[in-house]
Amino acid sequence: MALHKSLPVYKASYDLFLYSFKIIKSLNREYKYTAGEKIKNEATDLIMNIYRANKIREKKEKIEKARENIEVTRLLFRLLKDLKQISLSQFVSVNKKIENVSKQLAGWQKSLN
């Protein structure tokens, strides 16, 4: 079992987490405390599920929860783009980070089967 901090998926998730906080601080007040807080919570849960999956023998459930977290995050950022709360370039950047994490989680899940 590798240290969770050395896992590529953990590092990519943390990058997404950090970038999310930077974007959220510039949202309008109405969205900062609704969608922004939900994104922060999902990103936190994502990292915690990756950590937990790395610690336990039966990883499948935690990886599936992490995949759900990343999809909710993707949906919320799409909503912010459609509401014109984030720019297209911010959306593209965050979506690349989301896709990177999503692919790694899918690969991890596939390797368990």
Protein backbone atom coordinates (compact mmCIF):
# COMPACT_ATOMS: atom_id res chain seq x y z
CA MET A 1 0.00 0.00 0.00
CA ALA A 2 1.48 3.31 -1.10
CA LEU A 3 1.19 6.46 0.93
CA HIS A 4 -1.97 8.23 -0.13
CA LYS A 5 -0.01 11.46 -0.72
CA SER A 6 2.13 9.75 -3.35
CA LEU A 7 -0.82 8.43 -5.37
CA PRO A 8 -1.21 10.27 -8.71
CA VAL A 9 -5.00 10.31 -8.29
CA TYR A 10 -4.63 11.90 -4.85
CA LYS A 11 -2.30 14.58 -6.24
CA ALA A 12 -4.66 15.29 -9.16
CA SER A 13 -7.61 15.49 -6.78
CA TYR A 14 -5.77 17.93 -4.56
CA ASP A 15 -4.97 20.10 -7.60
CA LEU A 16 -8.67 20.12 -8.43
CA PHE A 17 -9.51 20.91 -4.79
CA LEU A 18 -7.11 23.86 -4.72
CA TYR A 19 -8.23 25.21 -8.10
CA SER A 20 -11.88 24.93 -7.01
CA PHE A 21 -11.26 27.10 -3.97
CA LYS A 22 -9.57 29.74 -6.13
CA ILE A 23 -12.54 29.84 -8.51
CA ILE A 24 -15.19 29.82 -5.78
CA LYS A 25 -13.82 32.86 -3.97
CA SER A 26 -14.66 35.03 -7.00
CA LEU A 27 -18.27 33.85 -7.44
CA ASN A 28 -21.24 36.11 -6.76
CA ARG A 29 -22.37 35.84 -3.17
CA GLU A 30 -25.55 33.96 -4.13
CA TYR A 31 -23.59 31.16 -5.82
CA LYS A 32 -20.57 31.18 -3.52
CA TYR A 33 -22.63 29.92 -0.60
CA THR A 34 -24.76 27.43 -2.52
CA ALA A 35 -23.03 25.79 -5.48
CA GLY A 36 -19.60 26.88 -4.22
CA GLU A 37 -20.05 25.23 -0.84
CA LYS A 38 -21.40 22.08 -2.49
CA ILE A 39 -18.31 21.93 -4.73
CA LYS A 40 -16.03 22.35 -1.70
CA ASN A 41 -17.85 19.55 0.11
CA GLU A 42 -17.75 17.21 -2.90
CA ALA A 43 -14.04 17.91 -3.45
CA THR A 44 -13.33 17.21 0.23
CA ASP A 45 -15.34 13.99 0.08
CA LEU A 46 -13.50 13.01 -3.11
CA ILE A 47 -10.11 13.31 -1.45
CA MET A 48 -11.30 11.51 1.68
CA ASN A 49 -12.74 8.63 -0.38
CA ILE A 50 -9.44 8.27 -2.24
CA TYR A 51 -7.60 8.24 1.09
CA ARG A 52 -9.98 5.63 2.52
CA ALA A 53 -9.83 3.47 -0.61
CA ASN A 54 -6.06 3.39 -0.30
CA LYS A 55 -6.25 2.29 3.35
CA ILE A 56 -8.75 -0.57 3.13
CA ARG A 57 -8.71 -3.96 1.46
CA GLU A 58 -12.15 -3.66 -0.17
CA LYS A 59 -11.60 -0.53 -2.25
CA LYS A 60 -14.47 -0.83 -4.69
CA GLU A 61 -17.13 0.99 -2.65
CA LYS A 62 -14.89 3.97 -1.82
CA ILE A 63 -13.72 4.30 -5.42
CA GLU A 64 -17.34 4.27 -6.59
CA LYS A 65 -18.17 7.02 -4.08
CA ALA A 66 -15.18 9.02 -5.31
CA ARG A 67 -16.46 8.65 -8.89
CA GLU A 68 -19.84 9.97 -7.76
CA ASN A 69 -18.11 12.94 -6.10
CA ILE A 70 -16.26 13.81 -9.29
CA GLU A 71 -19.44 13.63 -11.39
CA VAL A 72 -21.35 15.92 -9.02
CA THR A 73 -18.40 18.33 -9.14
CA ARG A 74 -18.45 18.22 -12.94
CA LEU A 75 -22.19 18.97 -12.98
CA LEU A 76 -21.88 21.91 -10.57
CA PHE A 77 -19.07 23.52 -12.56
CA ARG A 78 -21.13 23.13 -15.73
CA LEU A 79 -23.99 24.90 -13.95
CA LEU A 80 -21.67 27.74 -12.94
CA LYS A 81 -20.51 28.11 -16.54
CA ASP A 82 -24.09 28.15 -17.83
CA LEU A 83 -24.99 30.78 -15.21
CA LYS A 84 -21.99 32.81 -16.43
CA GLN A 85 -20.32 32.68 -13.03
CA ILE A 86 -17.08 31.30 -14.44
CA SER A 87 -15.41 32.01 -17.75
CA LEU A 88 -15.08 29.51 -20.54
CA SER A 89 -11.32 29.31 -19.94
CA GLN A 90 -11.88 28.54 -16.23
CA PHE A 91 -14.43 25.90 -17.19
CA VAL A 92 -12.03 24.30 -19.65
CA SER A 93 -9.23 24.28 -17.05
CA VAL A 94 -11.37 22.77 -14.32
CA ASN A 95 -12.87 20.26 -16.72
CA LYS A 96 -9.39 19.03 -17.69
CA LYS A 97 -8.61 18.50 -14.02
CA ILE A 98 -11.92 16.71 -13.49
CA GLU A 99 -11.34 14.48 -16.51
CA ASN A 100 -7.84 13.61 -15.30
CA VAL A 101 -9.16 12.50 -11.90
CA SER A 102 -12.10 10.68 -13.49
CA LYS A 103 -9.86 8.66 -15.81
CA GLN A 104 -7.55 7.70 -12.96
CA LEU A 105 -10.44 6.59 -10.79
CA ALA A 106 -11.89 4.56 -13.67
CA GLY A 107 -8.50 2.93 -14.23
CA TRP A 108 -8.13 2.14 -10.53
CA GLN A 109 -11.60 0.62 -10.45
CA LYS A 110 -10.90 -1.41 -13.59
CA SER A 111 -7.64 -2.76 -12.13
CA LEU A 112 -9.61 -4.22 -9.19
CA ASN A 113 -11.84 -6.33 -11.46
